[in-house]
Amino acid sequence: MRQKVSRLRAPLISIPSIHPAALAITAAGLLSLVVPIAEASGPPVGTNGWTADVAANPVFTDNFSGTALDTTKWNYRTDQWKPHMKSAQRPANVSVNNGLIITLLKQDTPNVQTSNGTITQHYTGGGIVSKQAFRYGYYETSAQINSTPGWHSSFWLQAGDGSNTYTTARRTEIDGFEIDSAALTDIRHNVIEWYPPFKSTPELTSGVYQYPNFTGGANFSTGYHTYGIDWEEDSVSYYVDGNLMKTLAYEPGSDTHDPVNIWLSDVATQWPTAATDQIKWAYASYWQKDYYVDYNNAGTGYAEVTGTWYTSSLPGWTKGYVSRNATCNVAGNVATWTPTILNAGNYNVYYYNIVNANSDSNMSLNVAGQTTMVNGTAGTSGWVQLTAAPIAVPAGKATTVTLTSSGSGCARAENVKFVRAN
């Protein structure tokens, strides 16, 4: 039976000790690090504002129970070719049997179209991609990596539906892990910025490093291991078996912090050394604690209630996003932000103030009975706190931030955030 292993928290890039519950004896009599977790361990409570009640309520989860993939939650990865890839990805290679299984096969796939003409791929891999997209929060999976050299397995975040990884719509790519089956004690974490002109090397990376908790011949293929990504507004932290392994700074001005899909996949990057193999996944989950409501993401709760609003040439809060402005020098223009809160609690509320010489110098921002007058002409663009102290916010759509223009300059609107306090 799979057991849930206690989470360990280690200092940044430390070498944590091996938890006794994670040790098992293999048939060969060797110690192996085995972390077979049937249920998600969840975000690191007490770190970066994560609380126990939020950790108990994932926004998205799939334990891959039963015998069929839930296609209301997942698309298949079906791309056939990209540079350095030796496999075509097929839905038929994906199965569910009380866990997700991706079968890796030596299987000819002729007539694959590439930028250099038609080729035959001699191997097939596979993967799945969540239909729902998310942004900041904690992502986690548990997987047992295949052992045959030649394959590249990954748990990663990027916008897309699985049909093509080189879509021009992608911006942020966050790699929870990249593990090559030819080096099964090594792992890498990346942030790749795909803002045009689409650079293809990681701007931020841990580099390949050897996971320090293996002993007695264990590696990522000898048991299940848990992998977590904590994406905050200004950083990405990576966890392996509950241990914090790396934090990479990633500011909204670096690239577009766009909603991303969850990818679980395995592709051939070298010629594999066996005709068949399997990678197994126990679950995939996502948790959210903070709420960002912005014009650029429809459906998050932004509305222009009164007056005429225009798309501005001034940028929004993250690279590539646009902002809005109401008719200038007109009082009473109103915009609102209403998040859908999943976990009631105490939140600090912020408005992103876009500073410009002709912005409104006396905008009124109201939330939960508190009014803050914001000068859009002074200082630099950035977050303005609207709450003197954390406010109690119930679940649902009960709390709205309302902006009202003063008639002095152009009122500007783009993003409001609710940040969990406790």
Protein backbone atom coordinates (compact mmCIF):
# COMPACT_ATOMS: atom_id res chain seq x y z
CA MET A 1 0.00 0.00 0.00
CA ARG A 2 1.23 3.46 -0.79
CA GLN A 3 1.83 5.61 2.22
CA LYS A 4 1.99 9.35 2.68
CA VAL A 5 5.45 10.40 3.81
CA SER A 6 6.03 13.30 6.21
CA ARG A 7 7.23 16.44 4.44
CA LEU A 8 10.72 17.66 5.25
CA ARG A 9 11.70 21.30 4.94
CA ALA A 10 15.37 21.96 4.30
CA PRO A 11 17.34 25.18 3.89
CA LEU A 12 17.99 26.37 0.35
CA ILE A 13 20.30 23.99 -1.48
CA SER A 14 21.01 21.99 1.62
CA ILE A 15 21.57 18.26 1.89
CA PRO A 16 18.68 17.00 4.05
CA SER A 17 18.66 13.69 5.83
CA ILE A 18 16.64 10.73 4.65
CA HIS A 19 13.33 10.28 6.40
CA PRO A 20 12.99 6.73 7.81
CA ALA A 21 9.56 6.27 6.25
CA ALA A 22 11.07 6.83 2.82
CA LEU A 23 13.37 3.84 3.01
CA ALA A 24 12.46 0.41 1.70
CA ILE A 25 14.41 -2.76 1.06
CA THR A 26 14.54 -3.90 -2.52
CA ALA A 27 14.62 -7.51 -3.60
CA ALA A 28 18.35 -7.15 -4.11
CA GLY A 29 18.78 -6.17 -0.48
CA LEU A 30 19.73 -2.57 -1.30
CA LEU A 31 18.29 0.50 0.37
CA SER A 32 16.12 2.48 -2.04
CA LEU A 33 14.52 5.85 -1.52
CA VAL A 34 10.86 5.16 -2.18
CA VAL A 35 8.20 7.80 -1.75
CA PRO A 36 5.00 6.18 -3.04
CA ILE A 37 2.37 8.81 -2.20
CA ALA A 38 -1.23 8.09 -3.17
CA GLU A 39 -2.49 11.45 -1.92
CA ALA A 40 -0.99 14.86 -2.53
CA SER A 41 1.26 16.16 0.23
CA GLY A 42 0.29 19.74 -0.51
CA PRO A 43 1.96 23.16 -0.25
CA PRO A 44 4.55 24.03 2.41
CA VAL A 45 2.34 25.31 5.23
CA GLY A 46 4.01 28.16 7.10
CA THR A 47 6.11 29.19 4.08
CA ASN A 48 5.21 32.03 1.67
CA GLY A 49 1.86 32.50 3.38
CA TRP A 50 0.55 28.97 2.88
CA THR A 51 -2.02 27.99 5.52
CA ALA A 52 -3.44 24.63 6.59
CA ASP A 53 -7.00 25.35 5.41
CA VAL A 54 -5.80 26.28 1.92
CA ALA A 55 -3.54 23.21 1.82
CA ALA A 56 -6.57 21.04 2.61
CA ASN A 57 -8.49 22.30 -0.43
CA PRO A 58 -6.76 21.91 -3.80
CA VAL A 59 -8.32 23.80 -6.68
CA PHE A 60 -7.48 20.98 -9.09
CA THR A 61 -6.56 17.37 -8.41
CA ASP A 62 -6.56 14.02 -10.16
CA ASN A 63 -5.46 10.80 -8.44
CA PHE A 64 -5.85 8.87 -11.71
CA SER A 65 -8.23 6.39 -10.10
CA GLY A 66 -10.17 3.91 -12.19
CA THR A 67 -9.17 2.65 -15.61
CA ALA A 68 -9.58 5.61 -17.96
CA LEU A 69 -8.13 9.09 -18.25
CA ASP A 70 -10.57 11.85 -17.26
CA THR A 71 -10.72 13.73 -20.56
CA THR A 72 -12.81 16.48 -18.98
CA LYS A 73 -9.59 17.45 -17.17
CA TRP A 74 -6.86 16.49 -19.63
CA ASN A 75 -5.76 16.74 -23.24
CA TYR A 76 -3.24 14.30 -24.68
CA ARG A 77 0.19 15.45 -25.77
CA THR A 78 0.24 14.74 -29.50
CA ASP A 79 3.15 16.67 -30.99
CA GLN A 80 5.08 14.63 -33.53
CA TRP A 81 8.40 16.41 -33.89
CA LYS A 82 10.66 19.18 -32.75
CA PRO A 83 14.45 19.58 -32.94
CA HIS A 84 16.33 16.92 -30.97
CA MET A 85 13.16 14.88 -30.33
CA LYS A 86 13.27 11.23 -31.38
CA SER A 87 9.64 10.28 -30.68
CA ALA A 88 6.11 11.05 -31.75
CA GLN A 89 3.57 11.35 -28.91
CA ARG A 90 0.46 9.23 -29.04
CA PRO A 91 -2.73 9.10 -26.94
CA ALA A 92 -2.68 5.31 -27.21
CA ASN A 93 0.48 5.26 -25.07
CA VAL A 94 -1.39 6.80 -22.12
CA SER A 95 -3.40 4.58 -19.79
CA VAL A 96 -4.86 4.68 -16.28
CA ASN A 97 -4.84 1.78 -13.86
CA ASN A 98 -5.08 3.30 -10.38
CA GLY A 99 -2.33 5.65 -11.52
CA LEU A 100 -1.28 7.21 -14.79
CA ILE A 101 1.00 5.15 -17.03
CA ILE A 102 2.80 6.40 -20.12
CA THR A 103 4.18 3.52 -22.16
CA LEU A 104 7.31 4.25 -24.19
CA LEU A 105 7.64 2.14 -27.31
CA LYS A 106 9.88 1.34 -30.26
CA GLN A 107 7.20 1.92 -32.86
CA ASP A 108 7.68 3.39 -36.30
CA THR A 109 5.63 6.50 -37.11
CA PRO A 110 6.15 7.42 -40.78
CA ASN A 111 5.22 10.65 -42.56
CA VAL A 112 5.96 12.98 -39.66
CA GLN A 113 6.14 16.52 -40.99
CA THR A 114 9.15 18.61 -39.94
CA SER A 115 10.67 21.92 -41.01
CA ASN A 116 13.08 19.87 -43.11
CA GLY A 117 10.52 17.63 -44.79
CA THR A 118 8.95 14.27 -43.94
CA ILE A 119 10.65 11.80 -41.61
CA THR A 120 9.88 8.59 -39.74
CA GLN A 121 10.00 8.67 -35.95
CA HIS A 122 11.08 5.28 -34.63
CA TYR A 123 9.77 5.69 -31.08
CA THR A 124 6.55 6.89 -29.51
CA GLY A 125 6.13 8.58 -26.15
CA GLY A 126 3.24 10.46 -24.66
CA GLY A 127 1.87 12.83 -22.10
CA ILE A 128 -1.13 14.72 -20.82
CA VAL A 129 -1.87 18.44 -20.46
CA SER A 130 -4.49 19.95 -18.14
CA LYS A 131 -7.36 21.65 -19.93
CA GLN A 132 -7.62 24.20 -17.14
CA ALA A 133 -4.95 26.88 -16.86
CA PHE A 134 -3.67 28.40 -13.61
CA ARG A 135 -1.12 30.96 -12.49
CA TYR A 136 0.43 31.57 -9.07
CA GLY A 137 0.12 28.75 -6.56
CA TYR A 138 1.54 25.37 -5.64
CA TYR A 139 1.71 22.51 -8.15
CA GLU A 140 2.62 18.94 -7.22
CA THR A 141 2.93 15.46 -8.67
CA SER A 142 4.43 12.11 -7.69
CA ALA A 143 6.16 9.97 -10.29
CA GLN A 144 8.35 6.92 -10.80
CA ILE A 145 10.68 7.63 -13.72
CA ASN A 146 11.42 5.03 -16.40
CA SER A 147 14.89 3.48 -16.35
CA THR A 148 15.69 2.95 -20.04
CA PRO A 149 18.27 5.51 -21.28
CA GLY A 150 17.17 7.81 -24.09
CA TRP A 151 14.02 9.32 -22.58
CA HIS A 152 13.38 12.81 -21.19
CA SER A 153 10.65 12.99 -18.55
CA SER A 154 9.23 16.23 -17.25
CA PHE A 155 6.63 17.86 -15.03
CA TRP A 156 6.20 21.38 -16.33
CA LEU A 157 3.94 24.39 -16.72
CA GLN A 158 3.29 26.21 -19.98
CA ALA A 159 0.29 27.49 -21.91
CA GLY A 160 -0.86 24.98 -24.52
CA ASP A 161 -3.17 22.11 -25.36
CA GLY A 162 -0.57 19.42 -26.08
CA SER A 163 -0.72 19.58 -29.87
CA ASN A 164 2.40 21.73 -30.19
CA THR A 165 4.99 22.86 -27.66
CA TYR A 166 6.29 25.58 -29.99
CA THR A 167 3.13 27.69 -30.04
CA THR A 168 3.56 31.44 -30.36
CA ALA A 169 1.07 31.90 -27.50
CA ARG A 170 3.46 30.56 -24.89
CA ARG A 171 5.30 32.93 -22.58
CA THR A 172 6.29 31.46 -19.20
CA GLU A 173 7.65 27.91 -19.00
CA ILE A 174 8.37 26.50 -15.54
CA ASP A 175 9.99 23.07 -15.35
CA GLY A 176 9.25 21.33 -12.04
CA PHE A 177 11.70 18.68 -13.11
CA GLU A 178 13.58 17.54 -16.15
CA ILE A 179 15.11 14.09 -15.73
CA ASP A 180 16.99 12.23 -18.42
CA SER A 181 16.79 8.47 -18.00
CA ALA A 182 20.50 8.11 -18.86
CA ALA A 183 21.32 9.97 -15.60
CA LEU A 184 18.74 8.91 -13.04
CA THR A 185 20.24 10.62 -10.01
CA ASP A 186 20.34 14.01 -11.77
CA ILE A 187 17.58 16.62 -11.99
CA ARG A 188 17.13 20.17 -13.28
CA HIS A 189 14.62 22.99 -12.65
CA ASN A 190 14.10 25.85 -15.12
CA VAL A 191 12.24 29.04 -15.86
CA ILE A 192 12.27 29.69 -19.60
CA GLU A 193 11.08 33.05 -20.91
CA TRP A 194 9.44 32.66 -24.31
CA TYR A 195 8.59 36.31 -24.91
CA PRO A 196 9.29 37.11 -28.59
CA PRO A 197 11.70 36.55 -30.31
CA PHE A 198 11.36 33.20 -28.54
CA LYS A 199 14.71 32.41 -27.07
CA SER A 200 15.15 28.68 -26.48
CA THR A 201 17.61 28.45 -23.60
CA PRO A 202 16.67 28.75 -19.92
CA GLU A 203 17.12 32.28 -18.66
CA LEU A 204 16.85 30.91 -15.12
CA THR A 205 17.95 27.42 -14.15
CA SER A 206 19.22 25.35 -11.25
CA GLY A 207 21.55 23.62 -13.67
CA VAL A 208 21.76 19.85 -13.60
CA TYR A 209 22.53 18.67 -10.07
CA GLN A 210 22.64 15.32 -8.31
CA TYR A 211 19.79 14.82 -5.86
CA PRO A 212 21.54 14.47 -2.47
CA ASN A 213 19.16 12.07 -0.72
CA PHE A 214 19.93 8.90 -2.66
CA THR A 215 21.82 6.05 -0.97
CA GLY A 216 22.44 2.40 -1.67
CA GLY A 217 21.94 2.59 -5.42
CA ALA A 218 18.57 4.37 -5.34
CA ASN A 219 17.56 6.79 -8.09
CA PHE A 220 14.46 8.41 -9.54
CA SER A 221 13.38 5.13 -11.17
CA THR A 222 13.51 2.93 -8.05
CA GLY A 223 10.40 4.44 -6.45
CA TYR A 224 7.91 7.26 -6.45
CA HIS A 225 9.17 10.77 -5.64
CA THR A 226 7.20 13.93 -5.01
CA TYR A 227 7.87 17.11 -6.99
CA GLY A 228 6.47 20.52 -6.10
CA ILE A 229 6.49 24.01 -7.67
CA ASP A 230 5.60 27.08 -5.60
CA TRP A 231 5.09 29.92 -8.09
CA GLU A 232 4.85 33.28 -6.33
CA GLU A 233 4.69 36.70 -7.99
CA ASP A 234 8.44 37.28 -7.77
CA SER A 235 9.93 33.78 -7.51
CA VAL A 236 9.62 30.07 -8.23
CA SER A 237 10.61 27.50 -5.57
CA TYR A 238 11.19 23.82 -6.30
CA TYR A 239 10.64 20.92 -3.90
CA VAL A 240 11.67 17.27 -4.15
CA ASP A 241 10.22 14.85 -1.58
CA GLY A 242 9.20 17.85 0.53
CA ASN A 243 12.66 19.38 0.55
CA LEU A 244 13.22 22.89 -0.80
CA MET A 245 15.94 22.45 -3.40
CA LYS A 246 16.05 25.75 -5.29
CA THR A 247 14.42 29.19 -5.52
CA LEU A 248 14.71 31.25 -8.72
CA ALA A 249 13.81 34.94 -8.80
CA TYR A 250 11.22 35.62 -11.52
CA GLU A 251 9.72 39.12 -11.58
CA PRO A 252 6.61 40.09 -13.60
CA GLY A 253 8.76 42.46 -15.65
CA SER A 254 10.98 39.61 -16.86
CA ASP A 255 8.33 37.98 -19.04
CA THR A 256 4.57 37.60 -19.19
CA HIS A 257 3.26 35.80 -16.10
CA ASP A 258 0.47 34.17 -18.07
CA PRO A 259 -1.89 31.35 -17.06
CA VAL A 260 -0.24 27.97 -17.63
CA ASN A 261 -1.34 24.38 -18.13
CA ILE A 262 0.10 21.37 -16.29
CA TRP A 263 2.14 18.97 -18.44
CA LEU A 264 3.18 15.41 -17.49
CA SER A 265 5.15 13.86 -20.32
CA ASP A 266 8.00 11.69 -21.54
CA VAL A 267 9.69 12.00 -24.93
CA ALA A 268 12.76 10.46 -26.53
CA THR A 269 15.68 12.86 -26.90
CA GLN A 270 18.31 10.21 -27.70
CA TRP A 271 17.94 6.78 -29.25
CA PRO A 272 16.46 4.61 -26.47
CA THR A 273 18.24 1.38 -25.57
CA ALA A 274 15.14 -0.81 -25.12
CA ALA A 275 11.98 -1.48 -27.09
CA THR A 276 9.57 -0.61 -24.27
CA ASP A 277 9.43 1.06 -20.87
CA GLN A 278 6.97 2.93 -18.64
CA ILE A 279 6.78 6.06 -16.51
CA LYS A 280 4.17 6.12 -13.74
CA TRP A 281 2.42 9.08 -12.11
CA ALA A 282 0.40 8.87 -8.89
CA TYR A 283 -1.46 12.21 -9.04
CA ALA A 284 -1.34 15.86 -10.09
CA SER A 285 -2.69 18.73 -7.98
CA TYR A 286 -2.80 22.54 -7.77
CA TRP A 287 -3.51 24.87 -4.84
CA GLN A 288 -4.23 28.63 -4.88
CA LYS A 289 -3.95 31.09 -2.00
CA ASP A 290 -3.75 34.53 -3.68
CA TYR A 291 -6.16 35.99 -6.23
CA TYR A 292 -5.22 38.27 -9.12
CA VAL A 293 -8.03 39.97 -11.01
CA ASP A 294 -6.92 41.68 -14.20
CA TYR A 295 -8.25 43.00 -17.47
CA ASN A 296 -5.97 40.79 -19.57
CA ASN A 297 -7.47 37.55 -18.25
CA ALA A 298 -11.15 37.35 -19.04
CA GLY A 299 -13.31 35.73 -16.41
CA THR A 300 -11.18 36.67 -13.40
CA GLY A 301 -13.69 39.30 -12.23
CA TYR A 302 -12.74 42.63 -13.84
CA ALA A 303 -15.55 44.89 -15.10
CA GLU A 304 -15.91 48.42 -16.48
CA VAL A 305 -19.17 49.61 -14.98
CA THR A 306 -19.51 53.30 -15.82
CA GLY A 307 -18.04 55.52 -18.51
CA THR A 308 -16.06 54.78 -21.63
CA TRP A 309 -12.79 52.87 -21.30
CA TYR A 310 -9.97 52.46 -23.80
CA THR A 311 -6.92 50.26 -24.24
CA SER A 312 -3.92 52.33 -23.21
CA SER A 313 -0.41 52.40 -24.61
CA LEU A 314 0.89 52.16 -21.04
CA PRO A 315 1.89 48.63 -19.98
CA GLY A 316 0.15 46.55 -17.34
CA TRP A 317 1.65 44.88 -14.28
CA THR A 318 3.47 42.09 -16.15
CA LYS A 319 5.45 42.20 -19.39
CA GLY A 320 3.23 42.13 -22.47
CA TYR A 321 -0.01 43.04 -20.72
CA VAL A 322 -1.93 46.18 -21.65
CA SER A 323 -3.80 48.54 -19.34
CA ARG A 324 -7.06 50.44 -19.62
CA ASN A 325 -7.96 54.07 -19.09
CA ALA A 326 -11.26 55.86 -18.78
CA THR A 327 -12.16 59.03 -20.67
CA CYS A 328 -9.73 61.60 -19.31
CA ASN A 329 -10.83 64.50 -17.10
CA VAL A 330 -14.27 63.00 -16.52
CA ALA A 331 -15.45 62.23 -13.00
CA GLY A 332 -17.48 59.16 -12.09
CA ASN A 333 -15.92 56.53 -14.37
CA VAL A 334 -16.07 53.23 -12.49
CA ALA A 335 -14.17 49.93 -12.80
CA THR A 336 -14.49 46.98 -10.41
CA TRP A 337 -12.55 43.85 -9.48
CA THR A 338 -14.41 40.92 -7.89
CA PRO A 339 -12.38 37.73 -7.28
CA THR A 340 -13.91 34.30 -6.74
CA ILE A 341 -12.44 33.40 -3.35
CA LEU A 342 -12.20 29.66 -2.71
CA ASN A 343 -11.01 29.78 0.90
CA ALA A 344 -12.42 32.34 3.32
CA GLY A 345 -9.74 34.05 5.38
CA ASN A 346 -7.89 37.29 6.02
CA TYR A 347 -6.45 39.05 3.00
CA ASN A 348 -4.48 42.18 2.18
CA VAL A 349 -5.77 43.92 -0.94
CA TYR A 350 -3.63 45.85 -3.45
CA TYR A 351 -4.25 47.96 -6.56
CA TYR A 352 -1.62 48.23 -9.31
CA ASN A 353 -1.10 51.97 -9.82
CA ILE A 354 0.08 52.86 -13.33
CA VAL A 355 1.90 56.14 -12.91
CA ASN A 356 1.97 58.70 -15.71
CA ALA A 357 1.96 62.48 -15.93
CA ASN A 358 -1.64 62.53 -17.25
CA SER A 359 -3.06 59.85 -14.93
CA ASP A 360 -5.82 60.66 -12.45
CA SER A 361 -4.26 62.40 -9.45
CA ASN A 362 -7.03 61.54 -6.98
CA MET A 363 -8.69 58.20 -7.78
CA SER A 364 -10.93 56.66 -5.15
CA LEU A 365 -10.37 52.94 -4.42
CA ASN A 366 -12.87 51.33 -2.08
CA VAL A 367 -12.93 47.81 -0.60
CA ALA A 368 -14.88 46.50 2.40
CA GLY A 369 -15.79 50.02 3.53
CA GLN A 370 -12.20 51.31 3.38
CA THR A 371 -11.43 54.10 0.91
CA THR A 372 -7.92 54.95 -0.33
CA MET A 373 -7.19 57.98 -2.49
CA VAL A 374 -4.53 57.12 -5.06
CA ASN A 375 -2.40 59.60 -6.98
CA GLY A 376 -1.55 58.21 -10.41
CA THR A 377 0.89 61.01 -11.24
CA ALA A 378 3.44 60.64 -8.43
CA GLY A 379 6.16 58.08 -7.77
CA THR A 380 6.61 54.94 -9.84
CA SER A 381 4.19 52.29 -11.05
CA GLY A 382 3.58 49.54 -8.51
CA TRP A 383 1.27 48.04 -5.94
CA VAL A 384 -0.67 50.28 -3.53
CA GLN A 385 -2.10 48.60 -0.43
CA LEU A 386 -5.79 49.40 0.01
CA THR A 387 -6.28 47.79 3.41
CA ALA A 388 -4.73 49.18 6.59
CA ALA A 389 -4.75 45.64 8.00
CA PRO A 390 -5.89 42.27 6.65
CA ILE A 391 -9.64 42.11 6.10
CA ALA A 392 -11.90 39.09 6.50
CA VAL A 393 -12.96 37.91 3.05
CA PRO A 394 -15.64 35.22 2.74
CA ALA A 395 -15.65 32.53 0.09
CA GLY A 396 -17.33 33.34 -3.19
CA LYS A 397 -17.80 36.69 -4.95
CA ALA A 398 -18.72 38.77 -1.92
CA THR A 399 -15.87 41.32 -1.95
CA THR A 400 -15.34 43.95 -4.64
CA VAL A 401 -12.74 46.66 -5.19
CA THR A 402 -14.27 49.75 -6.80
CA LEU A 403 -12.30 52.47 -8.60
CA THR A 404 -13.96 55.84 -9.24
CA SER A 405 -12.30 58.57 -11.30
CA SER A 406 -12.04 62.10 -9.89
CA GLY A 407 -12.07 64.00 -13.17
CA SER A 408 -8.46 65.05 -12.79
CA GLY A 409 -6.53 63.21 -15.52
CA CYS A 410 -7.05 59.67 -16.82
CA ALA A 411 -8.10 56.94 -14.38
CA ARG A 412 -6.20 53.72 -15.13
CA ALA A 413 -7.17 50.13 -14.41
CA GLU A 414 -5.55 46.75 -14.90
CA ASN A 415 -4.91 44.57 -11.83
CA VAL A 416 -5.99 44.08 -8.22
CA LYS A 417 -4.70 41.30 -5.98
CA PHE A 418 -5.98 39.68 -2.78
CA VAL A 419 -3.03 38.23 -0.84
CA ARG A 420 -3.71 35.69 1.88
CA ALA A 421 -2.50 36.89 5.30
CA ASN A 422 -3.57 34.02 7.60
